[in-house]
Amino acid sequence: MPHRLTPAQSMKLWHDVHLAQVHDDEPDLSVRQMSVLLTVYLEAPPHTVRGLAAKLKVTKPVITRALDSMGKLGLVSRRRDDKDKRNVLVQRTVKGVLYLERLGDLIGQTSETM
């Protein structure tokens, strides 16, 4: 059975992971950007701006701003849906996969020290 963290341990893990992110060379993402990124990478595609906005309960411009920032970092890409030109599809990138793999490793390593 998995070990359940206490609230204090959970906060310490969250703090330590964020502190390690501040110290490394990876880009800093907002909570909103991280939520969009994790949704794109952990949930089955297709992902659209409209769908992400509905999922996160925010407006489409909020998603667009997050995608603009993450697109500049190469973490996601966008393209028009060939079947419905009104839709913008959000796609995974190799750089985004590597970013999240490193984050997953960091979380795992940090949790082992608790």
C-alpha atoms as a PDB file:
ATOM      1  CA  MET A   1       0.000   0.000   0.000  1.00  0.00           C
ATOM      2  CA  PRO A   2       1.397   3.462  -0.882  1.00  0.00           C
ATOM      3  CA  HIS A   3       2.606   5.687   1.925  1.00  0.00           C
ATOM      4  CA  ARG A   4       0.277   8.627   2.543  1.00  0.00           C
ATOM      5  CA  LEU A   5       1.956  11.947   3.240  1.00  0.00           C
ATOM      6  CA  THR A   6       0.768  14.124   6.061  1.00  0.00           C
ATOM      7  CA  PRO A   7      -0.330  17.650   5.113  1.00  0.00           C
ATOM      8  CA  ALA A   8       2.972  19.001   6.494  1.00  0.00           C
ATOM      9  CA  GLN A   9       4.974  16.472   4.452  1.00  0.00           C
ATOM     10  CA  SER A  10       2.961  17.319   1.342  1.00  0.00           C
ATOM     11  CA  MET A  11       3.676  21.022   1.763  1.00  0.00           C
ATOM     12  CA  LYS A  12       7.370  20.299   2.387  1.00  0.00           C
ATOM     13  CA  LEU A  13       7.535  18.193  -0.790  1.00  0.00           C
ATOM     14  CA  TRP A  14       5.799  20.931  -2.785  1.00  0.00           C
ATOM     15  CA  HIS A  15       8.164  23.539  -1.345  1.00  0.00           C
ATOM     16  CA  ASP A  16      11.279  21.468  -2.010  1.00  0.00           C
ATOM     17  CA  VAL A  17      10.263  20.695  -5.603  1.00  0.00           C
ATOM     18  CA  HIS A  18       9.534  24.365  -6.310  1.00  0.00           C
ATOM     19  CA  LEU A  19      12.788  25.431  -4.672  1.00  0.00           C
ATOM     20  CA  ALA A  20      14.718  22.948  -6.817  1.00  0.00           C
ATOM     21  CA  GLN A  21      12.964  24.343  -9.907  1.00  0.00           C
ATOM     22  CA  VAL A  22      14.037  27.865  -8.938  1.00  0.00           C
ATOM     23  CA  HIS A  23      17.635  26.652  -8.710  1.00  0.00           C
ATOM     24  CA  ASP A  24      17.739  24.842 -12.073  1.00  0.00           C
ATOM     25  CA  ASP A  25      17.843  26.175 -15.613  1.00  0.00           C
ATOM     26  CA  GLU A  26      14.341  25.077 -16.565  1.00  0.00           C
ATOM     27  CA  PRO A  27      11.722  27.738 -17.307  1.00  0.00           C
ATOM     28  CA  ASP A  28       9.412  28.841 -14.499  1.00  0.00           C
ATOM     29  CA  LEU A  29       5.779  28.137 -15.317  1.00  0.00           C
ATOM     30  CA  SER A  30       2.764  29.582 -13.556  1.00  0.00           C
ATOM     31  CA  VAL A  31       0.278  27.238 -11.932  1.00  0.00           C
ATOM     32  CA  ARG A  32      -2.099  27.917 -14.810  1.00  0.00           C
ATOM     33  CA  GLN A  33       0.575  27.158 -17.429  1.00  0.00           C
ATOM     34  CA  MET A  34       1.562  23.963 -15.610  1.00  0.00           C
ATOM     35  CA  SER A  35      -2.091  22.890 -15.472  1.00  0.00           C
ATOM     36  CA  VAL A  36      -2.430  23.396 -19.225  1.00  0.00           C
ATOM     37  CA  LEU A  37       0.844  21.578 -19.904  1.00  0.00           C
ATOM     38  CA  LEU A  38      -0.025  18.604 -17.704  1.00  0.00           C
ATOM     39  CA  THR A  39      -3.488  18.362 -19.250  1.00  0.00           C
ATOM     40  CA  VAL A  40      -1.993  18.273 -22.752  1.00  0.00           C
ATOM     41  CA  TYR A  41       0.559  15.628 -21.812  1.00  0.00           C
ATOM     42  CA  LEU A  42      -1.412  13.429 -19.400  1.00  0.00           C
ATOM     43  CA  GLU A  43      -4.816  13.336 -21.081  1.00  0.00           C
ATOM     44  CA  ALA A  44      -5.563  11.831 -24.466  1.00  0.00           C
ATOM     45  CA  PRO A  45      -5.609  14.219 -27.443  1.00  0.00           C
ATOM     46  CA  PRO A  46      -7.004  16.037 -29.285  1.00  0.00           C
ATOM     47  CA  HIS A  47      -6.658  19.213 -27.253  1.00  0.00           C
ATOM     48  CA  THR A  48      -8.204  22.452 -28.433  1.00  0.00           C
ATOM     49  CA  VAL A  49      -8.061  25.944 -26.993  1.00  0.00           C
ATOM     50  CA  ARG A  50     -11.823  25.758 -26.446  1.00  0.00           C
ATOM     51  CA  GLY A  51     -11.580  22.354 -24.756  1.00  0.00           C
ATOM     52  CA  LEU A  52      -8.711  23.398 -22.485  1.00  0.00           C
ATOM     53  CA  ALA A  53     -10.592  26.545 -21.475  1.00  0.00           C
ATOM     54  CA  ALA A  54     -13.654  24.475 -20.564  1.00  0.00           C
ATOM     55  CA  LYS A  55     -11.573  21.896 -18.678  1.00  0.00           C
ATOM     56  CA  LEU A  56      -9.714  24.514 -16.624  1.00  0.00           C
ATOM     57  CA  LYS A  57     -12.830  26.717 -16.275  1.00  0.00           C
ATOM     58  CA  VAL A  58     -11.099  29.794 -17.675  1.00  0.00           C
ATOM     59  CA  THR A  59     -11.591  31.897 -20.798  1.00  0.00           C
ATOM     60  CA  LYS A  60     -10.054  31.152 -24.181  1.00  0.00           C
ATOM     61  CA  PRO A  61      -7.802  34.251 -23.963  1.00  0.00           C
ATOM     62  CA  VAL A  62      -6.335  32.869 -20.710  1.00  0.00           C
ATOM     63  CA  ILE A  63      -5.448  29.624 -22.497  1.00  0.00           C
ATOM     64  CA  THR A  64      -4.103  31.537 -25.500  1.00  0.00           C
ATOM     65  CA  ARG A  65      -1.759  33.575 -23.279  1.00  0.00           C
ATOM     66  CA  ALA A  66      -0.517  30.424 -21.543  1.00  0.00           C
ATOM     67  CA  LEU A  67       0.033  28.702 -24.886  1.00  0.00           C
ATOM     68  CA  ASP A  68       1.846  31.764 -26.262  1.00  0.00           C
ATOM     69  CA  SER A  69       4.327  31.628 -23.380  1.00  0.00           C
ATOM     70  CA  MET A  70       4.788  27.862 -23.538  1.00  0.00           C
ATOM     71  CA  GLY A  71       5.034  27.948 -27.323  1.00  0.00           C
ATOM     72  CA  LYS A  72       7.950  30.395 -27.094  1.00  0.00           C
ATOM     73  CA  LEU A  73       9.648  27.899 -24.782  1.00  0.00           C
ATOM     74  CA  GLY A  74       8.958  25.047 -27.211  1.00  0.00           C
ATOM     75  CA  LEU A  75       6.871  23.092 -24.695  1.00  0.00           C
ATOM     76  CA  VAL A  76       3.764  22.906 -26.916  1.00  0.00           C
ATOM     77  CA  SER A  77       2.840  23.737 -30.483  1.00  0.00           C
ATOM     78  CA  ARG A  78      -0.406  24.786 -32.134  1.00  0.00           C
ATOM     79  CA  ARG A  79      -1.941  24.251 -35.540  1.00  0.00           C
ATOM     80  CA  ARG A  80      -5.310  24.701 -37.192  1.00  0.00           C
ATOM     81  CA  ASP A  81      -7.557  21.649 -37.295  1.00  0.00           C
ATOM     82  CA  ASP A  82      -7.723  20.498 -40.918  1.00  0.00           C
ATOM     83  CA  LYS A  83     -11.277  19.230 -40.384  1.00  0.00           C
ATOM     84  CA  ASP A  84     -12.592  22.370 -38.698  1.00  0.00           C
ATOM     85  CA  LYS A  85     -10.557  25.512 -39.348  1.00  0.00           C
ATOM     86  CA  ARG A  86     -12.212  27.231 -36.358  1.00  0.00           C
ATOM     87  CA  ASN A  87     -10.390  24.907 -33.955  1.00  0.00           C
ATOM     88  CA  VAL A  88      -6.784  25.286 -32.894  1.00  0.00           C
ATOM     89  CA  LEU A  89      -5.165  21.998 -31.898  1.00  0.00           C
ATOM     90  CA  VAL A  90      -2.580  22.007 -29.133  1.00  0.00           C
ATOM     91  CA  GLN A  91       0.151  19.438 -29.618  1.00  0.00           C
ATOM     92  CA  ARG A  92       2.941  17.931 -27.573  1.00  0.00           C
ATOM     93  CA  THR A  93       6.589  18.558 -28.422  1.00  0.00           C
ATOM     94  CA  VAL A  94       9.764  16.631 -27.690  1.00  0.00           C
ATOM     95  CA  LYS A  95      10.985  19.529 -25.556  1.00  0.00           C
ATOM     96  CA  GLY A  96       7.752  19.417 -23.554  1.00  0.00           C
ATOM     97  CA  VAL A  97       8.058  15.665 -23.009  1.00  0.00           C
ATOM     98  CA  LEU A  98      11.625  16.092 -21.755  1.00  0.00           C
ATOM     99  CA  TYR A  99      10.610  18.987 -19.486  1.00  0.00           C
ATOM    100  CA  LEU A 100       7.916  16.901 -17.803  1.00  0.00           C
ATOM    101  CA  GLU A 101      10.141  13.815 -17.555  1.00  0.00           C
ATOM    102  CA  ARG A 102      12.743  15.889 -15.708  1.00  0.00           C
ATOM    103  CA  LEU A 103      10.022  17.320 -13.473  1.00  0.00           C
ATOM    104  CA  GLY A 104       8.736  13.824 -12.713  1.00  0.00           C
ATOM    105  CA  ASP A 105      12.264  12.693 -11.874  1.00  0.00           C
ATOM    106  CA  LEU A 106      12.731  15.743  -9.636  1.00  0.00           C
ATOM    107  CA  ILE A 107       9.487  15.023  -7.761  1.00  0.00           C
ATOM    108  CA  GLY A 108      10.462  11.375  -7.324  1.00  0.00           C
ATOM    109  CA  GLN A 109      13.959  12.201  -6.100  1.00  0.00           C
ATOM    110  CA  THR A 110      12.679  14.872  -3.746  1.00  0.00           C
ATOM    111  CA  SER A 111      10.051  12.550  -2.270  1.00  0.00           C
ATOM    112  CA  GLU A 112      12.717   9.907  -1.557  1.00  0.00           C
ATOM    113  CA  THR A 113      14.497  12.300   0.796  1.00  0.00           C
ATOM    114  CA  MET A 114      11.437  12.677   3.015  1.00  0.00           C
END
